[in-house]
């Protein structure tokens, strides 16, 4: 990853929300949501409290090509459900820390423990 892009993504990581645009699985129309996120290298991660029942997850399962907007920067990305346990726990902990989703004993909140982890690999090498 180029240095400028790495610096940009590091700066964007502190934004509170990102905006995910999926293609509707029935209508084919674009659908945008505002959602919490974290970034690791060139991947943006989100978690779905509704699991695979959330409309945005159903949409990306039909068409994994999405757009992710953070501040004024929009990226094309490929969505995937995170299956790797190490990657999954990294994301759960990062999102819990960023959004204060920990219990008083420091353990992950119910949401941080159970939400479906979804990765968006940014296509940063193409215009």
C-alpha atoms as a PDB file:
ATOM      1  CA  UNK A   1       0.000   0.000   0.000  1.00  0.00           C
ATOM      2  CA  UNK A   2       1.331   3.411  -0.919  1.00  0.00           C
ATOM      3  CA  UNK A   3       2.448   5.685   1.917  1.00  0.00           C
ATOM      4  CA  UNK A   4      -0.049   8.452   1.052  1.00  0.00           C
ATOM      5  CA  UNK A   5      -2.943   5.987   1.061  1.00  0.00           C
ATOM      6  CA  UNK A   6      -1.765   4.422   4.314  1.00  0.00           C
ATOM      7  CA  UNK A   7      -1.624   7.869   5.938  1.00  0.00           C
ATOM      8  CA  UNK A   8      -5.068   8.749   4.583  1.00  0.00           C
ATOM      9  CA  UNK A   9      -6.610   5.544   5.945  1.00  0.00           C
ATOM     10  CA  UNK A  10      -4.936   6.125   9.320  1.00  0.00           C
ATOM     11  CA  UNK A  11      -6.472   9.617   9.409  1.00  0.00           C
ATOM     12  CA  UNK A  12      -9.911   8.351   8.363  1.00  0.00           C
ATOM     13  CA  UNK A  13      -9.904   5.652  11.057  1.00  0.00           C
ATOM     14  CA  UNK A  14     -10.811   8.251  13.689  1.00  0.00           C
ATOM     15  CA  UNK A  15     -14.054   9.263  11.949  1.00  0.00           C
ATOM     16  CA  UNK A  16     -17.137   8.190  13.886  1.00  0.00           C
ATOM     17  CA  UNK A  17     -19.110   6.679  11.005  1.00  0.00           C
ATOM     18  CA  UNK A  18     -18.690   5.328   7.535  1.00  0.00           C
ATOM     19  CA  UNK A  19     -21.361   5.053   4.863  1.00  0.00           C
ATOM     20  CA  UNK A  20     -21.843   1.744   3.085  1.00  0.00           C
ATOM     21  CA  UNK A  21     -23.629   1.592  -0.254  1.00  0.00           C
ATOM     22  CA  UNK A  22     -24.849  -1.813  -1.381  1.00  0.00           C
ATOM     23  CA  UNK A  23     -26.915  -2.771  -4.408  1.00  0.00           C
ATOM     24  CA  UNK A  24     -30.438  -3.868  -3.518  1.00  0.00           C
ATOM     25  CA  UNK A  25     -30.816  -7.595  -4.062  1.00  0.00           C
ATOM     26  CA  UNK A  26     -34.399  -7.177  -5.330  1.00  0.00           C
ATOM     27  CA  UNK A  27     -34.533  -3.696  -6.891  1.00  0.00           C
ATOM     28  CA  UNK A  28     -30.935  -3.224  -8.002  1.00  0.00           C
ATOM     29  CA  UNK A  29     -31.079   0.282  -6.503  1.00  0.00           C
ATOM     30  CA  UNK A  30     -28.259   1.651  -4.344  1.00  0.00           C
ATOM     31  CA  UNK A  31     -28.875   1.565  -0.580  1.00  0.00           C
ATOM     32  CA  UNK A  32     -26.724   3.556   1.848  1.00  0.00           C
ATOM     33  CA  UNK A  33     -26.411   3.074   5.600  1.00  0.00           C
ATOM     34  CA  UNK A  34     -24.469   4.938   8.283  1.00  0.00           C
ATOM     35  CA  UNK A  35     -22.560   2.543  10.522  1.00  0.00           C
ATOM     36  CA  UNK A  36     -19.690   2.158  12.989  1.00  0.00           C
ATOM     37  CA  UNK A  37     -16.430   0.897  11.524  1.00  0.00           C
ATOM     38  CA  UNK A  38     -12.749   0.265  12.051  1.00  0.00           C
ATOM     39  CA  UNK A  39      -9.861   0.030   9.615  1.00  0.00           C
ATOM     40  CA  UNK A  40      -6.937  -2.386   9.519  1.00  0.00           C
ATOM     41  CA  UNK A  41      -4.463  -1.699   6.723  1.00  0.00           C
ATOM     42  CA  UNK A  42      -6.601  -1.478   3.547  1.00  0.00           C
ATOM     43  CA  UNK A  43      -9.668  -3.227   4.934  1.00  0.00           C
ATOM     44  CA  UNK A  44     -12.695  -1.580   6.517  1.00  0.00           C
ATOM     45  CA  UNK A  45     -14.642  -3.689   9.003  1.00  0.00           C
ATOM     46  CA  UNK A  46     -18.262  -3.433  10.115  1.00  0.00           C
ATOM     47  CA  UNK A  47     -20.361  -5.577  12.409  1.00  0.00           C
ATOM     48  CA  UNK A  48     -24.014  -6.450  11.886  1.00  0.00           C
ATOM     49  CA  UNK A  49     -26.031  -6.777  15.083  1.00  0.00           C
ATOM     50  CA  UNK A  50     -28.743  -8.439  12.990  1.00  0.00           C
ATOM     51  CA  UNK A  51     -26.265 -10.987  11.685  1.00  0.00           C
ATOM     52  CA  UNK A  52     -26.970 -12.250   8.181  1.00  0.00           C
ATOM     53  CA  UNK A  53     -30.614 -11.118   8.521  1.00  0.00           C
ATOM     54  CA  UNK A  54     -29.702  -7.431   8.079  1.00  0.00           C
ATOM     55  CA  UNK A  55     -30.747  -6.086   4.690  1.00  0.00           C
ATOM     56  CA  UNK A  56     -27.291  -4.670   3.984  1.00  0.00           C
ATOM     57  CA  UNK A  57     -25.718  -8.084   4.635  1.00  0.00           C
ATOM     58  CA  UNK A  58     -28.295  -9.820   2.425  1.00  0.00           C
ATOM     59  CA  UNK A  59     -27.528  -7.280  -0.306  1.00  0.00           C
ATOM     60  CA  UNK A  60     -23.767  -7.794  -0.191  1.00  0.00           C
ATOM     61  CA  UNK A  61     -24.146 -11.567  -0.121  1.00  0.00           C
ATOM     62  CA  UNK A  62     -25.903 -11.291  -3.483  1.00  0.00           C
ATOM     63  CA  UNK A  63     -23.479  -8.658  -4.832  1.00  0.00           C
ATOM     64  CA  UNK A  64     -20.243  -8.142  -2.862  1.00  0.00           C
ATOM     65  CA  UNK A  65     -19.211  -5.072  -4.904  1.00  0.00           C
ATOM     66  CA  UNK A  66     -19.906  -2.081  -2.651  1.00  0.00           C
ATOM     67  CA  UNK A  67     -18.878   1.501  -1.999  1.00  0.00           C
ATOM     68  CA  UNK A  68     -17.523   2.682   1.342  1.00  0.00           C
ATOM     69  CA  UNK A  69     -17.485   6.411   2.098  1.00  0.00           C
ATOM     70  CA  UNK A  70     -15.546   7.845   5.010  1.00  0.00           C
ATOM     71  CA  UNK A  71     -15.655  11.632   5.318  1.00  0.00           C
ATOM     72  CA  UNK A  72     -15.351  12.897   1.722  1.00  0.00           C
ATOM     73  CA  UNK A  73     -13.464   9.826   0.466  1.00  0.00           C
ATOM     74  CA  UNK A  74     -15.305   7.055  -1.392  1.00  0.00           C
ATOM     75  CA  UNK A  75     -13.743   3.669  -2.110  1.00  0.00           C
ATOM     76  CA  UNK A  76     -14.865   0.699  -4.180  1.00  0.00           C
ATOM     77  CA  UNK A  77     -14.599  -2.470  -2.136  1.00  0.00           C
ATOM     78  CA  UNK A  78     -15.259  -6.196  -2.151  1.00  0.00           C
ATOM     79  CA  UNK A  79     -17.274  -7.474   0.810  1.00  0.00           C
ATOM     80  CA  UNK A  80     -16.677 -10.764   2.577  1.00  0.00           C
ATOM     81  CA  UNK A  81     -17.898 -12.383   5.769  1.00  0.00           C
ATOM     82  CA  UNK A  82     -14.946 -12.822   8.143  1.00  0.00           C
ATOM     83  CA  UNK A  83     -14.378 -16.498   8.898  1.00  0.00           C
ATOM     84  CA  UNK A  84     -10.827 -16.379  10.306  1.00  0.00           C
ATOM     85  CA  UNK A  85     -11.072 -16.358  14.131  1.00  0.00           C
ATOM     86  CA  UNK A  86      -7.920 -14.277  14.639  1.00  0.00           C
ATOM     87  CA  UNK A  87      -9.120 -11.604  12.220  1.00  0.00           C
ATOM     88  CA  UNK A  88     -12.595 -11.726  13.776  1.00  0.00           C
ATOM     89  CA  UNK A  89     -11.311 -11.179  17.338  1.00  0.00           C
ATOM     90  CA  UNK A  90      -9.058  -8.327  16.193  1.00  0.00           C
ATOM     91  CA  UNK A  91     -12.109  -6.560  14.745  1.00  0.00           C
ATOM     92  CA  UNK A  92     -14.354  -7.287  17.725  1.00  0.00           C
ATOM     93  CA  UNK A  93     -11.777  -5.798  20.097  1.00  0.00           C
ATOM     94  CA  UNK A  94     -11.024  -2.774  17.906  1.00  0.00           C
ATOM     95  CA  UNK A  95     -14.685  -1.877  17.496  1.00  0.00           C
ATOM     96  CA  UNK A  96     -15.380  -2.458  21.202  1.00  0.00           C
ATOM     97  CA  UNK A  97     -12.507  -0.134  22.111  1.00  0.00           C
ATOM     98  CA  UNK A  98     -13.435   2.540  19.569  1.00  0.00           C
ATOM     99  CA  UNK A  99     -17.112   2.680  20.577  1.00  0.00           C
ATOM    100  CA  UNK A 100     -16.855   1.828  24.302  1.00  0.00           C
ATOM    101  CA  UNK A 101     -18.635  -1.499  23.883  1.00  0.00           C
ATOM    102  CA  UNK A 102     -17.146  -3.190  26.926  1.00  0.00           C
ATOM    103  CA  UNK A 103     -18.760  -4.271  30.161  1.00  0.00           C
ATOM    104  CA  UNK A 104     -17.570  -2.872  33.511  1.00  0.00           C
ATOM    105  CA  UNK A 105     -15.247  -5.873  33.920  1.00  0.00           C
ATOM    106  CA  UNK A 106     -13.590  -5.124  30.560  1.00  0.00           C
ATOM    107  CA  UNK A 107     -15.249  -7.972  28.678  1.00  0.00           C
ATOM    108  CA  UNK A 108     -16.875  -7.377  25.313  1.00  0.00           C
ATOM    109  CA  UNK A 109     -20.487  -6.210  25.265  1.00  0.00           C
ATOM    110  CA  UNK A 110     -23.125  -8.604  23.961  1.00  0.00           C
ATOM    111  CA  UNK A 111     -23.097  -6.773  20.605  1.00  0.00           C
ATOM    112  CA  UNK A 112     -19.299  -6.928  20.357  1.00  0.00           C
ATOM    113  CA  UNK A 113     -19.363 -10.663  21.126  1.00  0.00           C
ATOM    114  CA  UNK A 114     -22.191 -11.716  18.834  1.00  0.00           C
ATOM    115  CA  UNK A 115     -22.481  -9.372  15.836  1.00  0.00           C
ATOM    116  CA  UNK A 116     -21.508 -10.696  12.411  1.00  0.00           C
ATOM    117  CA  UNK A 117     -18.086  -9.376  11.332  1.00  0.00           C
ATOM    118  CA  UNK A 118     -17.901  -8.225   7.713  1.00  0.00           C
ATOM    119  CA  UNK A 119     -14.757  -7.100   5.870  1.00  0.00           C
ATOM    120  CA  UNK A 120     -14.544  -4.669   2.971  1.00  0.00           C
ATOM    121  CA  UNK A 121     -11.279  -5.004   1.101  1.00  0.00           C
ATOM    122  CA  UNK A 122     -10.715  -1.597  -0.451  1.00  0.00           C
ATOM    123  CA  UNK A 123      -9.769  -1.395  -4.090  1.00  0.00           C
ATOM    124  CA  UNK A 124      -7.142   1.319  -3.633  1.00  0.00           C
ATOM    125  CA  UNK A 125      -4.884   0.577  -6.584  1.00  0.00           C
ATOM    126  CA  UNK A 126      -7.409   1.410  -9.297  1.00  0.00           C
ATOM    127  CA  UNK A 127      -8.859   4.760 -10.287  1.00  0.00           C
END
